[in-house]
Amino acid sequence: MYQRSFSLLSSENSLLFVVDIQERLMPVINKGDTVIFNTRRLLNSAQLLEIPVLVSEQYPKGLGATAAEIVPAIPKTTPVIAKKSFSVCAVEEIQRELEKYPVSKIILCGVETHVCILQSAFDFLAMGKEVVLIVDAVGSRFSIDNEIAIRRLESSGVTLATAESVIFEWCGTSEHPQFKTISRIAKEKAGNSKQNTGI
C-alpha cells in the first residue's frame, strides 16, 4: 500500500512564513523582483490549498509596510506582525500565532537571507521544526551574503527547495480539485500583469 513520504510537504504539515518583504527594503535587494514574484506564487497557492501563512515586518516605521506587489495574495485572516528582533521566533505575538498551527515544517521566504531568514531558520530548527528554504524566494542586498547564508543553512540541516517544487508538493496530485489553478500559477512568468491581482 502506498504511503506518502514524511519528507514531502503537504497542506497538513506546512506553514508558509513570509519574512520582511517591505517596500523600502526590496528595491535594494539583489534580484528582489524574483523574490517578490516567487513569494506571490507561494502565497496564491497557499490560499488555494488552505495552508497557514504568517507575515512579518522588520521595523515598519523605518522600512515601510509589506510590498504592495504581494499584499493582494496574503490571506485576509493572516496577521502581519511588526518586529525589531531579527529572528521571527523571538517575537511573543509570533510565538502565540505559531502555537495555533501544530505543523512540522516551516517554509521560509523573504529577506535578508543572511540576517532575518538565517536567524529565524536556526531558531525554528532549535524548536524541532523542519525548515524548508525557498532559494528563489529569498535574497540579500549582496549576492555573496545570500550565497553563503544558503550554504551555511543547508550544512546545518535546512532543506533547500524552489517555489515551483513546493507548489506541486503541496498539491500532491493532478486529481486535486485545485490542480488546474495551481498549474497555472506554477507556469506564470515574471512580468505578467495578472500576477499583481492575487488569485
N, C-alpha and C. Protein backbone atom coordinates (compact mmCIF):
# COMPACT_ATOMS: atom_id res chain seq x y z
N MET A 1 0.85 -1.20 0.00
CA MET A 1 0.00 0.00 0.00
C MET A 1 0.88 1.25 0.00
N TYR A 2 0.50 2.18 -0.84
CA TYR A 2 1.29 3.42 -0.95
C TYR A 2 1.15 4.27 0.30
N GLN A 3 2.27 4.76 0.80
CA GLN A 3 2.27 5.72 1.91
C GLN A 3 3.19 6.86 1.54
N ARG A 4 2.64 8.06 1.53
CA ARG A 4 3.40 9.24 1.13
C ARG A 4 4.55 9.49 2.10
N SER A 5 5.71 9.85 1.58
CA SER A 5 6.89 10.10 2.40
C SER A 5 6.66 11.26 3.37
N PHE A 6 7.15 11.08 4.58
CA PHE A 6 7.06 12.15 5.58
C PHE A 6 7.93 13.34 5.20
N SER A 7 8.86 13.14 4.28
CA SER A 7 9.73 14.24 3.85
C SER A 7 9.02 15.22 2.93
N LEU A 8 7.93 14.78 2.32
CA LEU A 8 7.21 15.64 1.38
C LEU A 8 6.31 16.63 2.10
N LEU A 9 6.15 17.79 1.48
CA LEU A 9 5.30 18.83 2.05
C LEU A 9 3.84 18.55 1.70
N SER A 10 2.95 18.97 2.58
CA SER A 10 1.52 18.85 2.33
C SER A 10 0.80 20.03 2.98
N SER A 11 -0.47 20.17 2.68
CA SER A 11 -1.25 21.25 3.29
C SER A 11 -1.43 21.02 4.79
N GLU A 12 -1.28 19.77 5.22
CA GLU A 12 -1.47 19.46 6.65
C GLU A 12 -0.21 19.71 7.48
N ASN A 13 0.97 19.60 6.87
CA ASN A 13 2.19 19.68 7.69
C ASN A 13 2.98 20.97 7.51
N SER A 14 2.44 21.93 6.73
CA SER A 14 3.23 23.11 6.34
C SER A 14 2.65 24.42 6.85
N LEU A 15 3.55 25.35 7.12
CA LEU A 15 3.21 26.75 7.36
C LEU A 15 4.17 27.60 6.55
N LEU A 16 3.63 28.54 5.79
CA LEU A 16 4.44 29.45 4.99
C LEU A 16 4.70 30.72 5.78
N PHE A 17 5.98 31.05 5.95
CA PHE A 17 6.34 32.27 6.69
C PHE A 17 7.04 33.24 5.72
N VAL A 18 6.42 34.40 5.52
CA VAL A 18 6.95 35.44 4.65
C VAL A 18 7.63 36.49 5.53
N VAL A 19 8.93 36.62 5.37
CA VAL A 19 9.73 37.44 6.28
C VAL A 19 10.16 38.75 5.62
N ASP A 20 9.60 39.85 6.09
CA ASP A 20 10.12 41.21 5.85
C ASP A 20 10.24 41.63 4.39
N ILE A 21 9.28 41.29 3.58
CA ILE A 21 9.28 41.77 2.19
C ILE A 21 8.59 43.13 2.19
N GLN A 22 9.40 44.18 2.38
CA GLN A 22 8.88 45.51 2.66
C GLN A 22 9.26 46.53 1.59
N GLU A 23 8.43 47.55 1.47
CA GLU A 23 8.50 48.47 0.34
C GLU A 23 9.81 49.24 0.24
N ARG A 24 10.44 49.59 1.35
CA ARG A 24 11.68 50.36 1.29
C ARG A 24 12.92 49.48 1.27
N LEU A 25 12.72 48.20 1.49
CA LEU A 25 13.84 47.27 1.51
C LEU A 25 14.04 46.57 0.18
N MET A 26 12.94 46.21 -0.47
CA MET A 26 13.04 45.40 -1.68
C MET A 26 13.80 46.06 -2.84
N PRO A 27 13.72 47.38 -3.03
CA PRO A 27 14.47 47.97 -4.15
C PRO A 27 15.98 47.77 -4.08
N VAL A 28 16.52 47.50 -2.89
CA VAL A 28 17.98 47.32 -2.77
C VAL A 28 18.38 45.84 -2.68
N ILE A 29 17.40 44.95 -2.74
CA ILE A 29 17.69 43.51 -2.66
C ILE A 29 18.09 42.99 -4.04
N ASN A 30 19.21 42.27 -4.09
CA ASN A 30 19.66 41.67 -5.34
C ASN A 30 18.59 40.69 -5.84
N LYS A 31 18.14 40.88 -7.09
CA LYS A 31 17.08 40.06 -7.67
C LYS A 31 15.80 40.13 -6.86
N GLY A 32 15.52 41.31 -6.32
CA GLY A 32 14.33 41.49 -5.50
C GLY A 32 13.04 41.21 -6.24
N ASP A 33 12.99 41.51 -7.53
CA ASP A 33 11.79 41.22 -8.32
C ASP A 33 11.50 39.73 -8.36
N THR A 34 12.54 38.92 -8.42
CA THR A 34 12.36 37.47 -8.43
C THR A 34 11.83 36.98 -7.09
N VAL A 35 12.35 37.54 -6.01
CA VAL A 35 11.87 37.19 -4.66
C VAL A 35 10.38 37.50 -4.55
N ILE A 36 9.97 38.68 -5.00
CA ILE A 36 8.56 39.07 -4.93
C ILE A 36 7.71 38.16 -5.80
N PHE A 37 8.16 37.90 -7.01
CA PHE A 37 7.41 37.06 -7.95
C PHE A 37 7.15 35.67 -7.37
N ASN A 38 8.19 35.03 -6.85
CA ASN A 38 8.03 33.68 -6.32
C ASN A 38 7.28 33.64 -5.00
N THR A 39 7.45 34.68 -4.20
CA THR A 39 6.67 34.76 -2.96
C THR A 39 5.19 34.89 -3.27
N ARG A 40 4.87 35.68 -4.27
CA ARG A 40 3.46 35.83 -4.65
C ARG A 40 2.87 34.51 -5.13
N ARG A 41 3.65 33.74 -5.88
CA ARG A 41 3.18 32.42 -6.33
C ARG A 41 2.94 31.49 -5.14
N LEU A 42 3.84 31.52 -4.17
CA LEU A 42 3.66 30.70 -2.97
C LEU A 42 2.41 31.12 -2.19
N LEU A 43 2.22 32.42 -2.05
CA LEU A 43 1.05 32.92 -1.31
C LEU A 43 -0.25 32.56 -2.01
N ASN A 44 -0.30 32.73 -3.31
CA ASN A 44 -1.50 32.38 -4.05
C ASN A 44 -1.83 30.89 -3.91
N SER A 45 -0.81 30.06 -3.97
CA SER A 45 -1.01 28.62 -3.83
C SER A 45 -1.43 28.27 -2.40
N ALA A 46 -0.82 28.92 -1.42
CA ALA A 46 -1.19 28.66 -0.03
C ALA A 46 -2.66 29.01 0.23
N GLN A 47 -3.13 30.10 -0.37
CA GLN A 47 -4.54 30.46 -0.23
C GLN A 47 -5.43 29.36 -0.80
N LEU A 48 -5.13 28.91 -1.99
CA LEU A 48 -5.95 27.89 -2.65
C LEU A 48 -5.99 26.58 -1.86
N LEU A 49 -4.86 26.22 -1.28
CA LEU A 49 -4.73 24.93 -0.62
C LEU A 49 -4.92 25.02 0.89
N GLU A 50 -5.31 26.22 1.36
CA GLU A 50 -5.62 26.45 2.78
C GLU A 50 -4.44 26.11 3.70
N ILE A 51 -3.28 26.56 3.27
CA ILE A 51 -2.06 26.41 4.07
C ILE A 51 -1.88 27.67 4.91
N PRO A 52 -1.64 27.53 6.22
CA PRO A 52 -1.49 28.72 7.06
C PRO A 52 -0.29 29.57 6.66
N VAL A 53 -0.47 30.88 6.82
CA VAL A 53 0.56 31.84 6.44
C VAL A 53 0.77 32.82 7.59
N LEU A 54 2.02 33.18 7.84
CA LEU A 54 2.35 34.27 8.74
C LEU A 54 3.27 35.23 7.99
N VAL A 55 3.16 36.52 8.31
CA VAL A 55 3.94 37.56 7.65
C VAL A 55 4.55 38.46 8.71
N SER A 56 5.83 38.78 8.56
CA SER A 56 6.48 39.71 9.49
C SER A 56 6.97 40.95 8.75
N GLU A 57 7.12 42.03 9.52
CA GLU A 57 7.69 43.28 9.02
C GLU A 57 8.75 43.75 10.01
N GLN A 58 9.97 43.97 9.54
CA GLN A 58 11.05 44.46 10.38
C GLN A 58 10.99 45.98 10.48
N TYR A 59 10.74 46.48 11.69
CA TYR A 59 10.71 47.92 11.96
C TYR A 59 10.01 48.69 10.84
N PRO A 60 8.69 48.45 10.67
CA PRO A 60 7.97 49.08 9.55
C PRO A 60 8.00 50.61 9.55
N LYS A 61 8.21 51.22 10.72
CA LYS A 61 8.31 52.68 10.75
C LYS A 61 9.46 53.16 9.89
N GLY A 62 10.54 52.38 9.84
CA GLY A 62 11.70 52.78 9.04
C GLY A 62 11.75 52.13 7.67
N LEU A 63 11.28 50.87 7.58
CA LEU A 63 11.41 50.12 6.33
C LEU A 63 10.11 50.02 5.55
N GLY A 64 9.05 50.59 6.09
CA GLY A 64 7.79 50.60 5.36
C GLY A 64 6.98 49.34 5.56
N ALA A 65 5.79 49.35 5.00
CA ALA A 65 4.88 48.21 5.09
C ALA A 65 5.27 47.12 4.09
N THR A 66 4.57 46.02 4.16
CA THR A 66 4.78 44.93 3.20
C THR A 66 4.59 45.44 1.78
N ALA A 67 5.46 45.01 0.88
CA ALA A 67 5.45 45.47 -0.51
C ALA A 67 4.08 45.27 -1.14
N ALA A 68 3.60 46.31 -1.82
CA ALA A 68 2.26 46.28 -2.40
C ALA A 68 2.06 45.14 -3.38
N GLU A 69 3.14 44.70 -4.02
CA GLU A 69 3.03 43.65 -5.03
C GLU A 69 2.53 42.32 -4.46
N ILE A 70 2.77 42.06 -3.17
CA ILE A 70 2.33 40.78 -2.62
C ILE A 70 1.11 40.91 -1.72
N VAL A 71 0.74 42.12 -1.35
CA VAL A 71 -0.38 42.29 -0.41
C VAL A 71 -1.67 41.61 -0.88
N PRO A 72 -2.07 41.71 -2.17
CA PRO A 72 -3.32 41.05 -2.58
C PRO A 72 -3.29 39.53 -2.44
N ALA A 73 -2.11 38.95 -2.39
CA ALA A 73 -2.00 37.49 -2.30
C ALA A 73 -1.99 36.99 -0.86
N ILE A 74 -1.89 37.89 0.11
CA ILE A 74 -1.87 37.48 1.52
C ILE A 74 -3.30 37.20 1.97
N PRO A 75 -3.56 36.02 2.54
CA PRO A 75 -4.92 35.71 3.01
C PRO A 75 -5.43 36.78 3.98
N LYS A 76 -6.71 37.09 3.89
CA LYS A 76 -7.30 38.17 4.70
C LYS A 76 -7.14 37.92 6.19
N THR A 77 -7.11 36.66 6.60
CA THR A 77 -7.02 36.33 8.03
C THR A 77 -5.59 36.29 8.55
N THR A 78 -4.62 36.51 7.66
CA THR A 78 -3.21 36.41 8.06
C THR A 78 -2.75 37.64 8.82
N PRO A 79 -2.21 37.46 10.02
CA PRO A 79 -1.67 38.61 10.73
C PRO A 79 -0.34 39.05 10.15
N VAL A 80 -0.15 40.36 10.04
CA VAL A 80 1.14 40.92 9.62
C VAL A 80 1.75 41.54 10.87
N ILE A 81 2.83 40.95 11.35
CA ILE A 81 3.33 41.25 12.69
C ILE A 81 4.64 42.03 12.61
N ALA A 82 4.65 43.18 13.26
CA ALA A 82 5.87 44.01 13.31
C ALA A 82 6.85 43.42 14.31
N LYS A 83 8.14 43.62 14.02
CA LYS A 83 9.18 43.12 14.91
C LYS A 83 10.41 44.02 14.86
N LYS A 84 11.25 43.88 15.86
CA LYS A 84 12.55 44.53 15.86
C LYS A 84 13.68 43.52 15.96
N SER A 85 13.39 42.36 16.55
CA SER A 85 14.39 41.30 16.60
C SER A 85 14.56 40.74 15.19
N PHE A 86 15.74 40.23 14.89
CA PHE A 86 15.98 39.68 13.57
C PHE A 86 15.27 38.33 13.39
N SER A 87 15.28 37.49 14.41
CA SER A 87 14.59 36.22 14.34
C SER A 87 13.10 36.41 14.60
N VAL A 88 12.27 35.86 13.75
CA VAL A 88 10.82 35.96 13.98
C VAL A 88 10.43 35.19 15.23
N CYS A 89 11.21 34.20 15.60
CA CYS A 89 10.87 33.35 16.75
C CYS A 89 10.99 34.07 18.08
N ALA A 90 11.67 35.20 18.09
CA ALA A 90 11.86 35.95 19.34
C ALA A 90 10.68 36.84 19.69
N VAL A 91 9.69 36.91 18.81
CA VAL A 91 8.56 37.81 18.99
C VAL A 91 7.40 37.07 19.65
N GLU A 92 6.93 37.56 20.80
CA GLU A 92 5.89 36.85 21.56
C GLU A 92 4.61 36.69 20.75
N GLU A 93 4.20 37.71 20.01
CA GLU A 93 2.98 37.61 19.22
C GLU A 93 3.12 36.52 18.15
N ILE A 94 4.29 36.41 17.55
CA ILE A 94 4.52 35.36 16.56
C ILE A 94 4.52 33.99 17.23
N GLN A 95 5.10 33.89 18.40
CA GLN A 95 5.09 32.63 19.14
C GLN A 95 3.65 32.18 19.40
N ARG A 96 2.78 33.12 19.78
CA ARG A 96 1.38 32.78 20.03
C ARG A 96 0.69 32.31 18.75
N GLU A 97 0.99 32.96 17.64
CA GLU A 97 0.39 32.55 16.37
C GLU A 97 0.87 31.16 15.96
N LEU A 98 2.15 30.89 16.16
CA LEU A 98 2.70 29.58 15.79
C LEU A 98 2.05 28.46 16.58
N GLU A 99 1.67 28.74 17.82
CA GLU A 99 1.04 27.71 18.66
C GLU A 99 -0.30 27.26 18.11
N LYS A 100 -0.92 28.08 17.26
CA LYS A 100 -2.21 27.72 16.67
C LYS A 100 -2.08 26.67 15.58
N TYR A 101 -0.84 26.48 15.09
CA TYR A 101 -0.63 25.60 13.94
C TYR A 101 0.41 24.53 14.30
N PRO A 102 -0.02 23.36 14.70
CA PRO A 102 0.92 22.30 15.10
C PRO A 102 1.53 21.58 13.90
N VAL A 103 2.24 22.35 13.07
CA VAL A 103 2.83 21.79 11.85
C VAL A 103 4.29 21.41 12.12
N SER A 104 4.80 20.51 11.30
CA SER A 104 6.19 20.07 11.47
C SER A 104 7.16 20.80 10.56
N LYS A 105 6.64 21.46 9.50
CA LYS A 105 7.51 22.06 8.50
C LYS A 105 7.21 23.55 8.33
N ILE A 106 8.26 24.36 8.41
CA ILE A 106 8.17 25.80 8.20
C ILE A 106 8.82 26.13 6.86
N ILE A 107 8.05 26.73 5.97
CA ILE A 107 8.56 27.13 4.66
C ILE A 107 8.90 28.61 4.74
N LEU A 108 10.16 28.93 4.54
CA LEU A 108 10.64 30.31 4.70
C LEU A 108 10.93 30.98 3.36
N CYS A 109 10.44 32.21 3.23
CA CYS A 109 10.83 33.06 2.10
C CYS A 109 10.93 34.49 2.63
N GLY A 110 11.63 35.34 1.88
CA GLY A 110 11.75 36.73 2.29
C GLY A 110 13.19 37.20 2.32
N VAL A 111 13.44 38.21 3.16
CA VAL A 111 14.76 38.86 3.20
C VAL A 111 15.11 39.25 4.64
N GLU A 112 16.37 39.58 4.91
CA GLU A 112 17.51 39.23 4.10
C GLU A 112 17.98 37.85 4.50
N THR A 113 18.47 37.10 3.53
CA THR A 113 18.82 35.70 3.77
C THR A 113 19.83 35.54 4.89
N HIS A 114 20.84 36.41 4.93
CA HIS A 114 21.93 36.25 5.90
C HIS A 114 21.62 36.86 7.26
N VAL A 115 20.48 37.50 7.40
CA VAL A 115 20.14 38.13 8.69
C VAL A 115 18.86 37.50 9.25
N CYS A 116 17.71 38.04 8.88
CA CYS A 116 16.45 37.58 9.49
C CYS A 116 16.07 36.17 9.09
N ILE A 117 16.30 35.81 7.83
CA ILE A 117 15.99 34.45 7.40
C ILE A 117 16.89 33.44 8.13
N LEU A 118 18.19 33.70 8.15
CA LEU A 118 19.13 32.77 8.78
C LEU A 118 18.84 32.61 10.27
N GLN A 119 18.67 33.71 10.98
CA GLN A 119 18.45 33.61 12.42
C GLN A 119 17.11 32.95 12.75
N SER A 120 16.09 33.24 11.94
CA SER A 120 14.79 32.59 12.14
C SER A 120 14.90 31.09 11.89
N ALA A 121 15.60 30.72 10.82
CA ALA A 121 15.73 29.31 10.47
C ALA A 121 16.42 28.53 11.58
N PHE A 122 17.51 29.06 12.12
CA PHE A 122 18.21 28.36 13.19
C PHE A 122 17.32 28.22 14.43
N ASP A 123 16.53 29.24 14.72
CA ASP A 123 15.63 29.14 15.87
C ASP A 123 14.52 28.12 15.63
N PHE A 124 14.00 28.05 14.42
CA PHE A 124 13.00 27.04 14.11
C PHE A 124 13.59 25.63 14.24
N LEU A 125 14.83 25.45 13.78
CA LEU A 125 15.49 24.16 13.95
C LEU A 125 15.61 23.79 15.42
N ALA A 126 15.94 24.78 16.25
CA ALA A 126 16.07 24.54 17.69
C ALA A 126 14.73 24.16 18.33
N MET A 127 13.63 24.60 17.69
CA MET A 127 12.29 24.27 18.16
C MET A 127 11.85 22.89 17.70
N GLY A 128 12.68 22.22 16.91
CA GLY A 128 12.33 20.89 16.42
C GLY A 128 11.57 20.89 15.12
N LYS A 129 11.50 22.03 14.45
CA LYS A 129 10.81 22.12 13.17
C LYS A 129 11.76 21.77 12.02
N GLU A 130 11.19 21.22 10.95
CA GLU A 130 11.95 21.10 9.72
C GLU A 130 11.78 22.41 8.95
N VAL A 131 12.87 22.98 8.51
CA VAL A 131 12.84 24.26 7.80
C VAL A 131 13.12 24.03 6.33
N VAL A 132 12.24 24.54 5.49
CA VAL A 132 12.42 24.46 4.05
C VAL A 132 12.65 25.88 3.53
N LEU A 133 13.81 26.12 2.97
CA LEU A 133 14.19 27.44 2.48
C LEU A 133 13.92 27.52 0.98
N ILE A 134 13.12 28.48 0.57
CA ILE A 134 12.79 28.63 -0.85
C ILE A 134 13.88 29.50 -1.49
N VAL A 135 14.82 28.86 -2.15
CA VAL A 135 16.03 29.55 -2.58
C VAL A 135 15.78 30.62 -3.65
N ASP A 136 14.69 30.48 -4.41
CA ASP A 136 14.38 31.52 -5.40
C ASP A 136 13.35 32.52 -4.88
N ALA A 137 13.14 32.50 -3.55
CA ALA A 137 12.25 33.49 -2.93
C ALA A 137 12.88 34.06 -1.66
N VAL A 138 14.22 34.04 -1.61
CA VAL A 138 14.96 34.71 -0.55
C VAL A 138 16.05 35.56 -1.20
N GLY A 139 16.49 36.59 -0.49
CA GLY A 139 17.53 37.44 -1.07
C GLY A 139 18.17 38.34 -0.05
N SER A 140 19.30 38.90 -0.45
CA SER A 140 20.05 39.87 0.34
C SER A 140 20.47 41.01 -0.58
N ARG A 141 21.00 42.07 0.00
CA ARG A 141 21.48 43.17 -0.83
C ARG A 141 22.63 42.73 -1.72
N PHE A 142 23.52 41.90 -1.16
CA PHE A 142 24.68 41.45 -1.92
C PHE A 142 24.61 39.94 -2.13
N SER A 143 24.92 39.51 -3.34
CA SER A 143 24.79 38.10 -3.69
C SER A 143 25.67 37.20 -2.83
N ILE A 144 26.84 37.68 -2.39
CA ILE A 144 27.73 36.86 -1.58
C ILE A 144 27.09 36.53 -0.24
N ASP A 145 26.38 37.49 0.35
CA ASP A 145 25.70 37.24 1.63
C ASP A 145 24.61 36.19 1.46
N ASN A 146 23.86 36.30 0.37
CA ASN A 146 22.80 35.35 0.09
C ASN A 146 23.38 33.94 -0.12
N GLU A 147 24.44 33.86 -0.93
CA GLU A 147 25.03 32.56 -1.26
C GLU A 147 25.59 31.86 -0.03
N ILE A 148 26.36 32.59 0.77
CA ILE A 148 26.99 31.97 1.93
C ILE A 148 25.96 31.59 2.98
N ALA A 149 24.94 32.42 3.14
CA ALA A 149 23.88 32.09 4.10
C ALA A 149 23.16 30.80 3.70
N ILE A 150 22.85 30.65 2.41
CA ILE A 150 22.19 29.43 1.94
C ILE A 150 23.08 28.22 2.18
N ARG A 151 24.37 28.35 1.90
CA ARG A 151 25.31 27.24 2.12
C ARG A 151 25.38 26.88 3.60
N ARG A 152 25.44 27.89 4.45
CA ARG A 152 25.51 27.65 5.89
C ARG A 152 24.24 26.97 6.39
N LEU A 153 23.10 27.43 5.93
CA LEU A 153 21.83 26.84 6.36
C LEU A 153 21.71 25.39 5.90
N GLU A 154 22.09 25.14 4.65
CA GLU A 154 22.00 23.76 4.15
C GLU A 154 22.90 22.83 4.95
N SER A 155 24.11 23.28 5.27
CA SER A 155 25.04 22.43 6.02
C SER A 155 24.58 22.20 7.45
N SER A 156 23.62 23.02 7.91
CA SER A 156 23.11 22.90 9.28
C SER A 156 21.77 22.16 9.35
N GLY A 157 21.31 21.66 8.22
CA GLY A 157 20.11 20.83 8.25
C GLY A 157 18.87 21.44 7.64
N VAL A 158 18.97 22.63 7.10
CA VAL A 158 17.83 23.25 6.41
C VAL A 158 17.68 22.62 5.03
N THR A 159 16.45 22.33 4.64
CA THR A 159 16.16 21.76 3.33
C THR A 159 15.99 22.87 2.30
N LEU A 160 16.64 22.73 1.16
CA LEU A 160 16.52 23.72 0.09
C LEU A 160 15.47 23.26 -0.92
N ALA A 161 14.69 24.22 -1.41
CA ALA A 161 13.67 23.91 -2.42
C ALA A 161 13.42 25.16 -3.25
N THR A 162 12.70 24.98 -4.35
CA THR A 162 12.27 26.11 -5.17
C THR A 162 10.77 26.30 -5.02
N ALA A 163 10.30 27.48 -5.39
CA ALA A 163 8.88 27.78 -5.26
C ALA A 163 8.02 26.78 -6.03
N GLU A 164 8.38 26.51 -7.27
CA GLU A 164 7.56 25.61 -8.09
C GLU A 164 7.53 24.20 -7.51
N SER A 165 8.65 23.72 -7.03
CA SER A 165 8.69 22.40 -6.41
C SER A 165 7.73 22.31 -5.24
N VAL A 166 7.74 23.33 -4.38
CA VAL A 166 6.87 23.35 -3.20
C VAL A 166 5.40 23.43 -3.59
N ILE A 167 5.10 24.25 -4.58
CA ILE A 167 3.70 24.41 -5.01
C ILE A 167 3.13 23.05 -5.44
N PHE A 168 3.87 22.29 -6.22
CA PHE A 168 3.37 21.00 -6.68
C PHE A 168 3.38 19.95 -5.57
N GLU A 169 4.32 20.07 -4.64
CA GLU A 169 4.31 19.16 -3.48
C GLU A 169 3.06 19.37 -2.65
N TRP A 170 2.73 20.63 -2.40
CA TRP A 170 1.50 20.94 -1.65
C TRP A 170 0.28 20.34 -2.35
N CYS A 171 0.24 20.43 -3.65
CA CYS A 171 -0.91 19.95 -4.43
C CYS A 171 -0.99 18.42 -4.41
N GLY A 172 0.16 17.77 -4.64
CA GLY A 172 0.24 16.33 -4.47
C GLY A 172 -0.21 15.48 -5.63
N THR A 173 -1.25 15.87 -6.35
CA THR A 173 -1.79 15.05 -7.42
C THR A 173 -2.54 15.91 -8.44
N SER A 174 -2.53 15.45 -9.68
CA SER A 174 -3.27 16.17 -10.72
C SER A 174 -4.77 15.98 -10.56
N GLU A 175 -5.17 15.13 -9.62
CA GLU A 175 -6.59 14.94 -9.33
C GLU A 175 -7.11 15.90 -8.26
N HIS A 176 -6.20 16.70 -7.69
CA HIS A 176 -6.63 17.68 -6.69
C HIS A 176 -7.58 18.67 -7.33
N PRO A 177 -8.67 19.05 -6.65
CA PRO A 177 -9.63 19.98 -7.25
C PRO A 177 -9.03 21.33 -7.63
N GLN A 178 -7.91 21.71 -7.03
CA GLN A 178 -7.28 22.99 -7.34
C GLN A 178 -6.11 22.84 -8.31
N PHE A 179 -5.90 21.64 -8.85
CA PHE A 179 -4.71 21.41 -9.66
C PHE A 179 -4.59 22.36 -10.85
N LYS A 180 -5.67 22.57 -11.58
CA LYS A 180 -5.59 23.42 -12.77
C LYS A 180 -5.14 24.83 -12.42
N THR A 181 -5.66 25.37 -11.32
CA THR A 181 -5.25 26.71 -10.91
C THR A 181 -3.82 26.71 -10.41
N ILE A 182 -3.46 25.68 -9.65
CA ILE A 182 -2.08 25.55 -9.17
C ILE A 182 -1.12 25.46 -10.35
N SER A 183 -1.49 24.69 -11.37
CA SER A 183 -0.65 24.54 -12.56
C SER A 183 -0.48 25.88 -13.26
N ARG A 184 -1.55 26.66 -13.32
CA ARG A 184 -1.46 27.98 -13.94
C ARG A 184 -0.52 28.90 -13.16
N ILE A 185 -0.62 28.85 -11.85
CA ILE A 185 0.27 29.67 -11.01
C ILE A 185 1.72 29.26 -11.23
N ALA A 186 1.96 27.95 -11.29
CA ALA A 186 3.33 27.45 -11.47
C ALA A 186 3.92 27.88 -12.80
N LYS A 187 3.07 28.03 -13.80
CA LYS A 187 3.55 28.37 -15.15
C LYS A 187 3.64 29.87 -15.41
N GLU A 188 3.25 30.68 -14.43
CA GLU A 188 3.34 32.12 -14.62
C GLU A 188 4.77 32.54 -14.89
N LYS A 189 4.91 33.61 -15.62
CA LYS A 189 6.22 34.16 -15.91
C LYS A 189 6.31 35.56 -15.31
N ALA A 190 7.50 35.89 -14.84
CA ALA A 190 7.72 37.22 -14.26
C ALA A 190 7.35 38.29 -15.27
N GLY A 191 6.67 39.33 -14.78
CA GLY A 191 6.27 40.43 -15.67
C GLY A 191 4.84 40.32 -16.16
N ASN A 192 4.19 39.17 -15.91
CA ASN A 192 2.79 39.01 -16.27
C ASN A 192 1.95 39.91 -15.39
N SER A 193 1.23 40.84 -15.98
CA SER A 193 0.47 41.83 -15.21
C SER A 193 -0.61 41.21 -14.35
N LYS A 194 -1.09 40.01 -14.73
CA LYS A 194 -2.14 39.37 -13.96
C LYS A 194 -1.68 38.98 -12.57
N GLN A 195 -0.36 38.86 -12.38
CA GLN A 195 0.14 38.42 -11.08
C GLN A 195 -0.10 39.45 -9.99
N ASN A 196 -0.31 40.68 -10.33
CA ASN A 196 -0.46 41.71 -9.32
C ASN A 196 -1.81 41.69 -8.63
N THR A 197 -2.73 40.89 -9.09
CA THR A 197 -4.09 40.93 -8.59
C THR A 197 -4.43 39.78 -7.66
N GLY A 198 -3.43 38.96 -7.30
CA GLY A 198 -3.74 37.78 -6.48
C GLY A 198 -4.34 36.71 -7.35
N ILE A 199 -5.12 35.81 -6.75
CA ILE A 199 -5.69 34.69 -7.50
C ILE A 199 -7.09 35.01 -7.97
